[in-house]
């Protein structure tokens, strides 16, 4: 088959090419709308619970006025002090580095298998199976593997551009192979389109639900487009039988098939959503696996149009090759789990914010939690903003089924059930999960105290803390009441009024509950990580410092239990 023939698309392929740009736009719009409705529902439910919770709030526990001193041990986020190879948290930090490298390696290896098979299918379609051509096509189809490595284990900023430029140079060197230049251009344009689509789906604001929304839209949209293409094909088919009765029978048969195809789309999409949610609930998959599957399926669908341009039947090759990719990746993670030597309990991190920082707080949580989840689990007492950033597949399904109320903790029974179901084991890909708790006012203290007691580190974001936030002193005092001070970590920056923070902590120290684990300590030493310089907090440096804090906390707990 020559290049001129390849420029004449089949009817179904043409409809697919016209419809593909609509999927990312619809995914973005529907995901934004869903998260807005979800936040709105959470806010309404929390407001309703606040109105009905006054009669059940218990009296505050007795306090003791005990003068003491609070020492803030200030560490700079931009400093490497205390995070060298001999530091207490280096083992945890190296675990993170190994886990992230392993994840990137598994997806790159599976991606190379995918690229080789896609290149073979491409060569079969266009009768260009020479080794140089196959190699050039493999480089083209390997772009999502390069992108996966950059997303999962990003190098320093200056190296990212070098890697992309290096890939493009190698890719276009393939044009030196005779007669394949136009084919390479088609692969390049498919990569550009798939990259744009995948980046829309991975937008930080909607990344929690976009893969699921995109998958449902892809299934439904593909069904609709295929139905339209079949309609056009049948309408333009000159081989229609003669006779009114035959024509009527053909029309009824066609209508029945068309309705069946259109009905199959929503049913398949709903079943897919339920299967993904069920597998996630049983820990057969992870949110990262769902997101990466959506990412690679996007590339498989768009890249396969390059070799299904003439014959739409070749679209099935992209789906089959994607399934091979998924199988290789699953096998890689399974082999990684078998070879793992990590047997100790992973550290637990409790994230708190005593007031809303809006976009800054969400950005810190998203960037840091992504890294920490290679080390241990994350617990979060969430407000409406972060609750919508941590939506899990089964929670997405519960909201669609109007079961959001099941997530709210408003009784001893619901708290006990939620804490019993607390997931601190790794997923099949080695990452740990985020568990968020949305509590009624009178349940907050119970949940907070039990989570804090079981956590190795409590991280509290105090950037922007000032006298304008004086109403938040209760939360700071409650933290000192229930959490040993060696487990507490604050984040501050230039917008934090540290003098006011010190006075707040001193006041809280003087009014500790008699049951507080800190009540007998003459001096409370609290670790503070200060963000200095730069445009934003460096999550990798914060991770190293928190790994050290978690390791020291666990050592102190071991000593306390031994004593």
Protein backbone atom coordinates (compact mmCIF):
# COMPACT_ATOMS: atom_id res chain seq x y z
CA UNK A 1 0.00 0.00 0.00
CA UNK A 2 1.49 3.40 -0.96
CA UNK A 3 1.34 6.70 0.87
CA UNK A 4 -1.28 8.19 -1.42
CA UNK A 5 -3.72 5.44 -0.60
CA UNK A 6 -3.22 6.06 3.13
CA UNK A 7 -4.75 9.52 2.80
CA UNK A 8 -8.24 8.18 2.16
CA UNK A 9 -9.84 7.38 5.53
CA UNK A 10 -12.63 4.90 6.01
CA UNK A 11 -16.01 6.24 7.01
CA UNK A 12 -15.84 5.04 10.62
CA UNK A 13 -12.29 6.36 11.05
CA UNK A 14 -13.32 9.77 9.72
CA UNK A 15 -16.14 10.00 12.26
CA UNK A 16 -13.74 8.96 15.03
CA UNK A 17 -11.23 11.64 14.03
CA UNK A 18 -13.98 14.26 14.08
CA UNK A 19 -15.26 13.14 17.49
CA UNK A 20 -12.00 12.62 19.36
CA UNK A 21 -11.35 16.35 20.14
CA UNK A 22 -14.75 16.54 21.85
CA UNK A 23 -13.89 13.92 24.50
CA UNK A 24 -11.27 15.96 26.46
CA UNK A 25 -13.46 19.08 26.36
CA UNK A 26 -16.45 17.13 27.63
CA UNK A 27 -14.28 15.41 30.26
CA UNK A 28 -13.06 18.77 31.55
CA UNK A 29 -16.53 20.29 31.67
CA UNK A 30 -18.26 17.29 33.27
CA UNK A 31 -15.46 16.74 35.82
CA UNK A 32 -15.56 20.39 36.88
CA UNK A 33 -19.34 20.22 37.19
CA UNK A 34 -19.18 17.00 39.17
CA UNK A 35 -16.62 18.36 41.64
CA UNK A 36 -18.65 21.56 42.06
CA UNK A 37 -21.76 19.51 42.85
CA UNK A 38 -19.74 17.27 45.17
CA UNK A 39 -18.28 20.22 47.14
CA UNK A 40 -21.71 21.80 47.31
CA UNK A 41 -23.22 18.60 48.69
CA UNK A 42 -20.44 18.30 51.29
CA UNK A 43 -20.88 21.92 52.40
CA UNK A 44 -24.64 21.49 52.74
CA UNK A 45 -24.31 18.25 54.66
CA UNK A 46 -21.73 19.72 57.03
CA UNK A 47 -23.87 22.82 57.60
CA UNK A 48 -26.93 20.71 58.35
CA UNK A 49 -24.95 18.59 60.79
CA UNK A 50 -23.60 21.66 62.59
CA UNK A 51 -27.17 22.88 63.16
CA UNK A 52 -28.19 19.56 64.71
CA UNK A 53 -25.06 18.78 66.71
CA UNK A 54 -25.33 21.26 69.60
CA UNK A 55 -27.29 19.01 71.94
CA UNK A 56 -24.84 16.13 71.66
CA UNK A 57 -21.59 18.00 72.29
CA UNK A 58 -20.01 16.83 75.51
CA UNK A 59 -18.56 19.13 78.14
CA UNK A 60 -14.89 20.01 77.72
CA UNK A 61 -12.44 17.91 79.75
CA UNK A 62 -10.78 19.37 82.85
CA UNK A 63 -7.69 21.48 82.30
CA UNK A 64 -4.67 22.28 84.36
CA UNK A 65 -2.99 25.65 84.44
CA UNK A 66 0.67 24.65 84.21
CA UNK A 67 3.21 27.30 83.26
CA UNK A 68 5.79 25.94 80.89
CA UNK A 69 7.87 26.71 77.89
CA UNK A 70 7.49 25.98 74.19
CA UNK A 71 10.62 25.63 72.08
CA UNK A 72 10.23 25.88 68.31
CA UNK A 73 12.94 23.86 66.58
CA UNK A 74 13.06 25.68 63.26
CA UNK A 75 14.30 23.84 60.19
CA UNK A 76 14.54 25.37 56.74
CA UNK A 77 12.78 23.62 53.91
CA UNK A 78 15.59 24.80 51.64
CA UNK A 79 18.27 23.23 53.82
CA UNK A 80 19.64 19.70 53.57
CA UNK A 81 20.74 19.71 57.19
CA UNK A 82 19.94 16.49 58.97
CA UNK A 83 18.90 14.66 55.81
CA UNK A 84 22.18 13.01 54.79
CA UNK A 85 22.84 9.29 54.33
CA UNK A 86 23.45 8.83 58.06
CA UNK A 87 20.23 10.53 59.18
CA UNK A 88 17.45 8.66 60.92
CA UNK A 89 14.99 9.07 58.06
CA UNK A 90 17.31 8.06 55.24
CA UNK A 91 15.94 4.50 55.14
CA UNK A 92 12.40 5.82 54.64
CA UNK A 93 13.53 8.34 52.05
CA UNK A 94 15.45 5.70 50.11
CA UNK A 95 12.31 3.55 50.18
CA UNK A 96 10.50 6.37 48.44
CA UNK A 97 13.22 6.73 45.80
CA UNK A 98 13.27 3.01 45.07
CA UNK A 99 9.48 2.79 44.89
CA UNK A 100 9.19 5.69 42.46
CA UNK A 101 11.99 4.36 40.26
CA UNK A 102 10.38 0.91 40.25
CA UNK A 103 7.01 2.36 39.25
CA UNK A 104 8.56 4.35 36.41
CA UNK A 105 10.59 1.33 35.25
CA UNK A 106 7.52 -0.94 35.14
CA UNK A 107 5.50 1.50 33.05
CA UNK A 108 8.44 2.22 30.72
CA UNK A 109 9.08 -1.52 30.19
CA UNK A 110 5.39 -2.15 29.49
CA UNK A 111 5.40 0.91 27.23
CA UNK A 112 8.29 -0.40 25.15
CA UNK A 113 6.44 -3.68 24.62
CA UNK A 114 3.40 -1.63 23.61
CA UNK A 115 5.48 0.47 21.18
CA UNK A 116 7.02 -2.57 19.52
CA UNK A 117 3.63 -4.21 18.98
CA UNK A 118 2.06 -1.00 17.71
CA UNK A 119 4.94 -0.59 15.24
CA UNK A 120 4.44 -4.17 14.06
CA UNK A 121 0.70 -3.60 13.52
CA UNK A 122 1.45 -0.36 11.70
CA UNK A 123 3.92 -2.12 9.41
CA UNK A 124 1.46 -4.91 8.71
CA UNK A 125 -1.19 -2.39 7.65
CA UNK A 126 1.08 -0.47 5.29
CA UNK A 127 3.42 -3.30 4.17
CA UNK A 128 6.50 -1.59 5.66
CA UNK A 129 7.95 -4.35 7.81
CA UNK A 130 11.65 -3.68 7.26
CA UNK A 131 13.66 -3.54 10.47
CA UNK A 132 14.71 0.15 10.07
CA UNK A 133 11.07 1.13 9.48
CA UNK A 134 9.85 -0.96 12.44
CA UNK A 135 12.48 0.65 14.67
CA UNK A 136 11.50 4.15 13.56
CA UNK A 137 7.82 3.41 14.16
CA UNK A 138 8.63 1.94 17.59
CA UNK A 139 10.36 5.17 18.61
CA UNK A 140 7.26 7.09 17.54
CA UNK A 141 4.85 4.89 19.47
CA UNK A 142 7.16 4.99 22.53
CA UNK A 143 6.36 8.65 23.27
CA UNK A 144 3.80 7.79 26.02
CA UNK A 145 6.52 5.72 27.75
CA UNK A 146 8.79 8.79 27.81
CA UNK A 147 5.93 10.93 29.07
CA UNK A 148 5.06 8.36 31.78
CA UNK A 149 8.64 8.41 33.07
CA UNK A 150 8.62 12.21 33.20
CA UNK A 151 5.31 12.23 35.10
CA UNK A 152 6.12 9.49 37.61
CA UNK A 153 9.80 10.16 38.25
CA UNK A 154 10.52 13.66 36.95
CA UNK A 155 14.19 14.68 36.74
CA UNK A 156 15.44 18.16 37.48
CA UNK A 157 13.76 20.86 35.44
CA UNK A 158 16.72 21.45 33.11
CA UNK A 159 16.88 17.74 32.24
CA UNK A 160 13.21 17.52 31.28
CA UNK A 161 13.63 19.74 28.24
CA UNK A 162 16.82 17.88 27.27
CA UNK A 163 15.00 14.53 27.37
CA UNK A 164 12.11 15.79 25.23
CA UNK A 165 14.47 17.40 22.70
CA UNK A 166 16.61 14.26 22.58
CA UNK A 167 13.55 12.11 21.93
CA UNK A 168 12.37 14.39 19.10
CA UNK A 169 15.82 14.30 17.46
CA UNK A 170 15.88 10.49 17.54
CA UNK A 171 12.27 10.36 16.31
CA UNK A 172 12.88 12.55 13.27
CA UNK A 173 16.07 10.70 12.41
CA UNK A 174 13.66 7.93 11.40
CA UNK A 175 12.64 10.11 8.45
CA UNK A 176 15.95 9.12 6.87
CA UNK A 177 14.43 5.69 6.24
CA UNK A 178 13.03 5.76 2.67
CA UNK A 179 9.24 6.11 2.09
CA UNK A 180 8.16 6.43 5.75
CA UNK A 181 8.40 10.19 6.28
CA UNK A 182 4.68 10.84 5.81
CA UNK A 183 3.82 7.95 8.12
CA UNK A 184 6.08 9.39 10.84
CA UNK A 185 4.35 12.75 10.48
CA UNK A 186 1.00 11.02 11.08
CA UNK A 187 2.36 9.35 14.23
CA UNK A 188 3.76 12.69 15.40
CA UNK A 189 0.40 14.44 14.98
CA UNK A 190 -1.33 11.57 16.80
CA UNK A 191 1.16 11.95 19.68
CA UNK A 192 0.52 15.70 19.86
CA UNK A 193 -3.25 15.17 20.00
CA UNK A 194 -3.04 12.36 22.57
CA UNK A 195 -0.68 14.42 24.74
CA UNK A 196 -3.12 17.33 24.79
CA UNK A 197 -6.02 15.01 25.64
CA UNK A 198 -4.08 13.23 28.41
CA UNK A 199 -2.87 16.49 29.95
CA UNK A 200 -6.45 17.74 30.12
CA UNK A 201 -7.48 14.55 31.91
CA UNK A 202 -4.56 14.93 34.35
CA UNK A 203 -5.35 18.58 35.18
CA UNK A 204 -4.69 19.02 38.89
CA UNK A 205 -8.16 20.39 39.66
CA UNK A 206 -9.97 17.38 38.19
CA UNK A 207 -7.39 14.59 38.38
CA UNK A 208 -9.36 12.74 41.08
CA UNK A 209 -12.35 12.02 38.82
CA UNK A 210 -11.27 12.82 35.25
CA UNK A 211 -9.98 9.30 34.40
CA UNK A 212 -13.34 7.78 35.31
CA UNK A 213 -15.32 10.49 33.55
CA UNK A 214 -13.07 10.21 30.51
CA UNK A 215 -13.45 6.44 30.39
CA UNK A 216 -17.25 6.67 30.52
CA UNK A 217 -17.30 9.36 27.82
CA UNK A 218 -14.90 7.42 25.63
CA UNK A 219 -17.09 4.32 25.73
CA UNK A 220 -20.31 6.26 25.20
CA UNK A 221 -18.80 8.55 22.57
CA UNK A 222 -17.21 5.70 20.63
CA UNK A 223 -20.57 3.91 20.59
CA UNK A 224 -22.34 7.00 19.29
CA UNK A 225 -19.71 7.69 16.64
CA UNK A 226 -19.73 4.09 15.45
CA UNK A 227 -23.54 4.26 15.25
CA UNK A 228 -23.34 7.41 13.12
CA UNK A 229 -20.68 5.87 10.92
CA UNK A 230 -22.75 2.72 10.42
CA UNK A 231 -25.75 4.88 9.54
CA UNK A 232 -23.77 6.76 6.91
CA UNK A 233 -22.28 3.54 5.57
CA UNK A 234 -25.65 1.85 5.20
CA UNK A 235 -27.23 4.94 3.70
CA UNK A 236 -24.50 5.20 1.09
CA UNK A 237 -24.42 1.47 0.32
CA UNK A 238 -25.48 0.98 -3.32
CA UNK A 239 -26.09 -2.74 -2.82
CA UNK A 240 -29.60 -2.31 -1.43
CA UNK A 241 -32.04 -5.11 -2.36
CA UNK A 242 -34.97 -4.37 -4.62
CA UNK A 243 -38.57 -4.54 -3.51
CA UNK A 244 -40.53 -2.64 -0.89
CA UNK A 245 -40.84 -5.58 1.48
CA UNK A 246 -37.11 -6.28 1.39
CA UNK A 247 -36.41 -2.58 1.89
CA UNK A 248 -38.77 -2.40 4.90
CA UNK A 249 -37.27 -5.52 6.45
CA UNK A 250 -33.78 -4.16 5.93
CA UNK A 251 -34.79 -0.86 7.55
CA UNK A 252 -36.31 -2.54 10.61
CA UNK A 253 -33.27 -4.78 10.98
CA UNK A 254 -30.93 -1.83 10.70
CA UNK A 255 -32.96 0.19 13.23
CA UNK A 256 -32.90 -2.69 15.72
CA UNK A 257 -29.14 -3.13 15.38
CA UNK A 258 -28.57 0.62 15.71
CA UNK A 259 -30.70 0.87 18.88
CA UNK A 260 -28.90 -2.13 20.36
CA UNK A 261 -25.50 -0.56 19.66
CA UNK A 262 -26.57 2.79 21.15
CA UNK A 263 -27.98 1.11 24.28
CA UNK A 264 -24.81 -0.93 24.72
CA UNK A 265 -22.72 2.23 25.20
CA UNK A 266 -24.27 3.56 28.45
CA UNK A 267 -24.67 0.04 29.84
CA UNK A 268 -21.03 -0.79 29.14
CA UNK A 269 -19.88 2.53 30.60
CA UNK A 270 -21.88 1.98 33.82
CA UNK A 271 -20.64 -1.60 34.17
CA UNK A 272 -17.07 -0.42 33.62
CA UNK A 273 -17.46 2.18 36.36
CA UNK A 274 -18.85 -0.40 38.77
CA UNK A 275 -16.14 -2.92 37.97
CA UNK A 276 -13.38 -0.35 38.51
CA UNK A 277 -14.96 0.77 41.80
CA UNK A 278 -15.33 -2.82 43.00
CA UNK A 279 -11.75 -3.72 42.09
CA UNK A 280 -10.50 -0.60 43.85
CA UNK A 281 -12.53 -1.44 46.94
CA UNK A 282 -11.02 -4.93 47.04
CA UNK A 283 -7.49 -3.50 46.51
CA UNK A 284 -7.13 -5.23 43.15
CA UNK A 285 -6.15 -1.91 41.58
CA UNK A 286 -5.14 1.61 42.64
CA UNK A 287 -6.03 5.16 41.73
CA UNK A 288 -2.67 5.50 39.99
CA UNK A 289 -3.36 2.36 37.94
CA UNK A 290 -6.77 3.76 36.95
CA UNK A 291 -5.22 7.09 35.94
CA UNK A 292 -2.39 5.44 34.01
CA UNK A 293 -4.82 3.09 32.29
CA UNK A 294 -6.86 6.08 31.13
CA UNK A 295 -3.64 7.78 30.02
CA UNK A 296 -2.43 4.80 27.96
CA UNK A 297 -5.88 3.98 26.60
CA UNK A 298 -6.06 7.54 25.28
CA UNK A 299 -2.79 7.06 23.42
CA UNK A 300 -3.82 3.59 22.18
CA UNK A 301 -7.07 4.95 20.76
CA UNK A 302 -5.57 8.00 19.08
CA UNK A 303 -2.35 6.34 17.87
CA UNK A 304 -4.26 3.42 16.40
CA UNK A 305 -6.10 5.81 14.08
CA UNK A 306 -2.79 6.31 12.26
CA UNK A 307 -2.79 2.72 11.01
CA UNK A 308 -6.57 2.29 10.92
CA UNK A 309 -6.92 5.27 8.61
CA UNK A 310 -7.94 3.18 5.63
CA UNK A 311 -9.48 0.16 7.34
CA UNK A 312 -11.28 0.86 10.65
CA UNK A 313 -11.06 -2.82 11.58
CA UNK A 314 -7.44 -2.18 12.58
CA UNK A 315 -8.73 -0.07 15.50
CA UNK A 316 -9.12 -3.34 17.39
CA UNK A 317 -5.34 -3.76 17.26
CA UNK A 318 -4.90 -0.72 19.50
CA UNK A 319 -7.27 -2.18 22.12
CA UNK A 320 -5.55 -5.58 22.06
CA UNK A 321 -2.11 -4.00 22.39
CA UNK A 322 -3.33 -1.86 25.29
CA UNK A 323 -4.50 -5.02 27.05
CA UNK A 324 -1.01 -6.51 26.52
CA UNK A 325 0.48 -3.35 28.02
CA UNK A 326 -1.81 -3.66 31.07
CA UNK A 327 -0.85 -7.32 31.49
CA UNK A 328 2.88 -6.55 31.34
CA UNK A 329 2.53 -3.70 33.86
CA UNK A 330 0.48 -5.88 36.24
CA UNK A 331 3.08 -8.64 35.98
CA UNK A 332 5.87 -6.17 36.66
CA UNK A 333 4.27 -4.91 39.87
CA UNK A 334 3.53 -8.49 40.95
CA UNK A 335 7.17 -9.43 40.51
CA UNK A 336 8.15 -6.27 42.40
CA UNK A 337 5.95 -7.24 45.36
CA UNK A 338 7.46 -10.74 45.43
CA UNK A 339 10.98 -9.33 45.57
CA UNK A 340 10.18 -6.70 48.20
CA UNK A 341 12.04 -7.00 51.49
CA UNK A 342 10.02 -4.34 53.34
CA UNK A 343 8.28 -6.02 56.23
CA UNK A 344 7.92 -3.24 58.80
CA UNK A 345 4.71 -1.27 59.23
CA UNK A 346 4.73 1.76 56.97
CA UNK A 347 4.58 5.14 58.74
CA UNK A 348 1.27 6.96 58.97
CA UNK A 349 0.91 10.67 58.27
CA UNK A 350 -1.97 12.81 59.51
CA UNK A 351 -2.44 16.06 57.58
CA UNK A 352 -4.22 18.98 59.24
CA UNK A 353 -5.10 22.51 58.28
CA UNK A 354 -6.56 24.72 60.97
CA UNK A 355 -7.87 27.15 58.41
CA UNK A 356 -8.45 27.17 54.68
CA UNK A 357 -5.56 28.34 52.52
CA UNK A 358 -7.49 27.65 49.36
CA UNK A 359 -5.42 26.96 46.29
CA UNK A 360 -2.06 27.06 48.12
CA UNK A 361 -3.18 24.40 50.56
CA UNK A 362 -4.55 22.11 47.84
CA UNK A 363 -1.38 22.53 45.80
CA UNK A 364 0.83 21.59 48.75
CA UNK A 365 -1.33 18.60 49.60
CA UNK A 366 -1.46 17.30 46.02
CA UNK A 367 2.27 17.61 45.39
CA UNK A 368 3.46 16.32 48.74
CA UNK A 369 0.92 13.51 49.15
CA UNK A 370 1.92 12.14 45.74
CA UNK A 371 5.46 11.65 47.06
CA UNK A 372 4.65 10.49 50.59
CA UNK A 373 2.34 7.75 49.33
CA UNK A 374 5.43 5.82 48.22
CA UNK A 375 6.51 5.85 51.91
CA UNK A 376 3.31 5.34 53.90
CA UNK A 377 -0.40 6.06 54.23
CA UNK A 378 -2.05 9.46 54.60
CA UNK A 379 -4.98 10.27 56.87
CA UNK A 380 -6.84 13.51 56.43
CA UNK A 381 -9.63 15.24 58.32
CA UNK A 382 -10.97 16.90 55.22
CA UNK A 383 -12.98 19.97 54.45
CA UNK A 384 -14.99 20.40 51.25
CA UNK A 385 -11.97 21.55 49.22
CA UNK A 386 -9.64 18.63 49.92
CA UNK A 387 -12.53 16.17 50.07
CA UNK A 388 -13.09 16.85 46.38
CA UNK A 389 -9.36 16.39 45.69
CA UNK A 390 -9.26 12.89 47.17
CA UNK A 391 -12.38 11.34 45.63
CA UNK A 392 -11.83 7.62 45.15
CA UNK A 393 -13.53 5.43 42.52
CA UNK A 394 -16.01 3.85 44.94
CA UNK A 395 -16.83 7.29 46.42
CA UNK A 396 -17.43 8.62 42.92
CA UNK A 397 -19.93 5.80 42.38
CA UNK A 398 -21.56 6.40 45.79
CA UNK A 399 -22.14 10.05 44.93
CA UNK A 400 -23.75 9.13 41.61
CA UNK A 401 -25.98 6.71 43.51
CA UNK A 402 -26.88 9.44 46.08
CA UNK A 403 -25.10 7.72 48.95
CA UNK A 404 -22.85 10.62 49.97
CA UNK A 405 -24.32 10.65 53.46
CA UNK A 406 -22.63 7.33 54.22
CA UNK A 407 -19.26 9.13 54.26
CA UNK A 408 -20.11 11.42 57.21
CA UNK A 409 -19.09 10.34 60.69
CA UNK A 410 -21.78 11.33 63.18
CA UNK A 411 -21.95 8.52 65.74
CA UNK A 412 -19.74 6.19 67.73
CA UNK A 413 -20.77 3.33 65.46
CA UNK A 414 -19.87 5.14 62.24
CA UNK A 415 -16.53 6.26 63.72
CA UNK A 416 -15.71 2.72 64.82
CA UNK A 417 -16.57 1.33 61.38
CA UNK A 418 -14.48 3.97 59.59
CA UNK A 419 -11.45 3.43 61.82
CA UNK A 420 -11.72 -0.34 61.47
CA UNK A 421 -11.69 0.04 57.69
CA UNK A 422 -8.67 2.34 57.77
CA UNK A 423 -6.44 1.16 54.95
CA UNK A 424 -2.71 1.31 55.72
CA UNK A 425 -1.53 -1.48 53.38
CA UNK A 426 0.03 -0.81 49.97
CA UNK A 427 -1.87 -1.19 46.73
CA UNK A 428 -0.69 -3.64 44.05
CA UNK A 429 1.60 -0.96 42.59
CA UNK A 430 3.23 -0.33 45.99
CA UNK A 431 1.64 3.04 46.73
CA UNK A 432 -0.36 3.71 49.87
CA UNK A 433 -3.79 5.30 50.01
CA UNK A 434 -5.24 8.53 51.30
CA UNK A 435 -8.12 8.10 53.73
CA UNK A 436 -10.17 11.22 54.34
CA UNK A 437 -12.66 11.61 57.18
CA UNK A 438 -15.53 14.09 57.02
CA UNK A 439 -16.75 14.52 60.57
CA UNK A 440 -19.68 16.02 62.35
CA UNK A 441 -18.70 18.68 64.90
CA UNK A 442 -19.07 16.50 67.97
CA UNK A 443 -17.28 13.57 66.25
CA UNK A 444 -14.23 15.58 65.22
CA UNK A 445 -12.43 15.34 68.56
CA UNK A 446 -12.86 11.55 68.78
CA UNK A 447 -11.67 10.92 65.24
CA UNK A 448 -8.82 13.40 65.57
CA UNK A 449 -7.59 11.95 68.83
CA UNK A 450 -7.62 8.34 67.63
CA UNK A 451 -5.96 9.17 64.32
CA UNK A 452 -3.32 11.33 65.94
CA UNK A 453 -2.50 8.68 68.54
CA UNK A 454 -1.86 6.12 65.78
CA UNK A 455 0.09 8.48 63.49
CA UNK A 456 3.85 8.71 63.31
CA UNK A 457 3.81 12.33 62.17
CA UNK A 458 1.15 15.04 62.23
CA UNK A 459 1.72 17.72 59.59
CA UNK A 460 -0.06 21.04 60.05
CA UNK A 461 0.05 23.80 57.45
CA UNK A 462 0.36 27.15 59.25
CA UNK A 463 1.39 29.33 56.35
CA UNK A 464 -0.39 32.64 56.61
CA UNK A 465 -1.18 32.18 60.34
CA UNK A 466 -1.64 35.57 62.03
CA UNK A 467 -3.84 37.36 64.60
CA UNK A 468 -6.51 37.49 61.90
CA UNK A 469 -6.83 33.73 62.45
CA UNK A 470 -7.18 33.96 66.21
CA UNK A 471 -10.25 31.74 66.06
CA UNK A 472 -8.00 28.85 65.10
CA UNK A 473 -6.18 28.77 68.44
CA UNK A 474 -8.63 26.12 69.61
CA UNK A 475 -7.43 23.71 66.92
CA UNK A 476 -3.79 24.36 67.79
CA UNK A 477 -4.51 23.78 71.45
CA UNK A 478 -6.42 20.60 70.68
CA UNK A 479 -3.40 19.31 68.76
CA UNK A 480 -1.17 19.78 71.81
CA UNK A 481 -3.82 18.13 73.97
CA UNK A 482 -3.88 14.81 72.13
CA UNK A 483 -0.57 14.44 70.23
CA UNK A 484 2.88 13.98 71.78
CA UNK A 485 4.90 17.03 70.79
CA UNK A 486 7.66 14.99 69.12
CA UNK A 487 5.17 13.89 66.48
CA UNK A 488 4.03 17.42 65.57
CA UNK A 489 5.39 19.21 62.51
CA UNK A 490 4.40 22.72 61.45
CA UNK A 491 4.93 24.40 58.08
CA UNK A 492 5.45 28.16 58.11
CA UNK A 493 6.66 30.77 55.65
CA UNK A 494 7.16 34.51 55.43
CA UNK A 495 3.43 35.10 55.74
CA UNK A 496 3.31 33.35 59.14
CA UNK A 497 3.36 35.58 62.22
CA UNK A 498 5.76 33.42 64.22
CA UNK A 499 5.58 35.63 67.30
CA UNK A 500 1.81 35.18 67.38
CA UNK A 501 2.25 31.45 66.78
CA UNK A 502 4.61 31.19 69.75
CA UNK A 503 2.16 33.08 71.99
CA UNK A 504 -0.66 30.80 70.82
CA UNK A 505 1.37 27.70 71.65
CA UNK A 506 2.41 29.11 75.03
CA UNK A 507 -1.21 29.80 75.89
CA UNK A 508 -2.19 26.29 74.78
CA UNK A 509 0.66 24.89 76.90
CA UNK A 510 -0.69 26.63 79.98
CA UNK A 511 -4.17 25.13 79.47
CA UNK A 512 -3.46 21.51 78.65
CA UNK A 513 -5.96 18.81 79.59
CA UNK A 514 -4.90 16.71 82.55
CA UNK A 515 -4.99 13.71 80.20
CA UNK A 516 -2.70 15.29 77.60
CA UNK A 517 0.49 13.33 76.77
CA UNK A 518 2.35 16.65 76.93
CA UNK A 519 1.15 17.79 80.34
CA UNK A 520 4.19 16.50 82.27
CA UNK A 521 6.84 17.85 79.90
CA UNK A 522 8.58 20.97 81.26
CA UNK A 523 9.45 22.05 77.73
CA UNK A 524 7.50 21.29 74.56
CA UNK A 525 9.83 21.00 71.59
CA UNK A 526 7.94 21.39 68.34
CA UNK A 527 9.54 20.99 64.92
CA UNK A 528 8.86 23.80 62.47
CA UNK A 529 9.77 23.63 58.78
CA UNK A 530 10.18 27.09 57.34
CA UNK A 531 9.74 27.69 53.64
CA UNK A 532 12.35 30.25 52.63
CA UNK A 533 13.04 31.62 49.18
CA UNK A 534 11.93 30.16 45.88
CA UNK A 535 8.53 30.41 44.28
CA UNK A 536 6.92 27.55 46.20
CA UNK A 537 7.58 24.86 48.74
CA UNK A 538 9.82 22.03 47.52
CA UNK A 539 7.86 18.84 48.30
CA UNK A 540 10.93 16.61 47.93
CA UNK A 541 12.85 18.46 50.65
CA UNK A 542 9.79 18.43 52.87
CA UNK A 543 9.49 14.69 52.27
CA UNK A 544 13.09 14.12 53.39
CA UNK A 545 12.57 16.10 56.57
CA UNK A 546 9.29 14.33 57.37
CA UNK A 547 10.91 10.94 56.77
CA UNK A 548 13.42 11.89 59.44
CA UNK A 549 10.66 13.09 61.77
CA UNK A 550 8.71 9.84 61.26
CA UNK A 551 11.79 7.70 61.94
CA UNK A 552 12.64 9.62 65.13
CA UNK A 553 9.02 9.45 66.29
CA UNK A 554 8.94 5.69 65.83
CA UNK A 555 12.24 5.29 67.67
CA UNK A 556 10.88 7.30 70.61
CA UNK A 557 7.70 5.24 70.61
CA UNK A 558 9.76 2.04 70.68
CA UNK A 559 11.79 3.32 73.62
CA UNK A 560 8.62 4.34 75.46
CA UNK A 561 7.05 0.90 74.95
CA UNK A 562 10.25 -0.83 76.06
CA UNK A 563 10.35 1.27 79.21
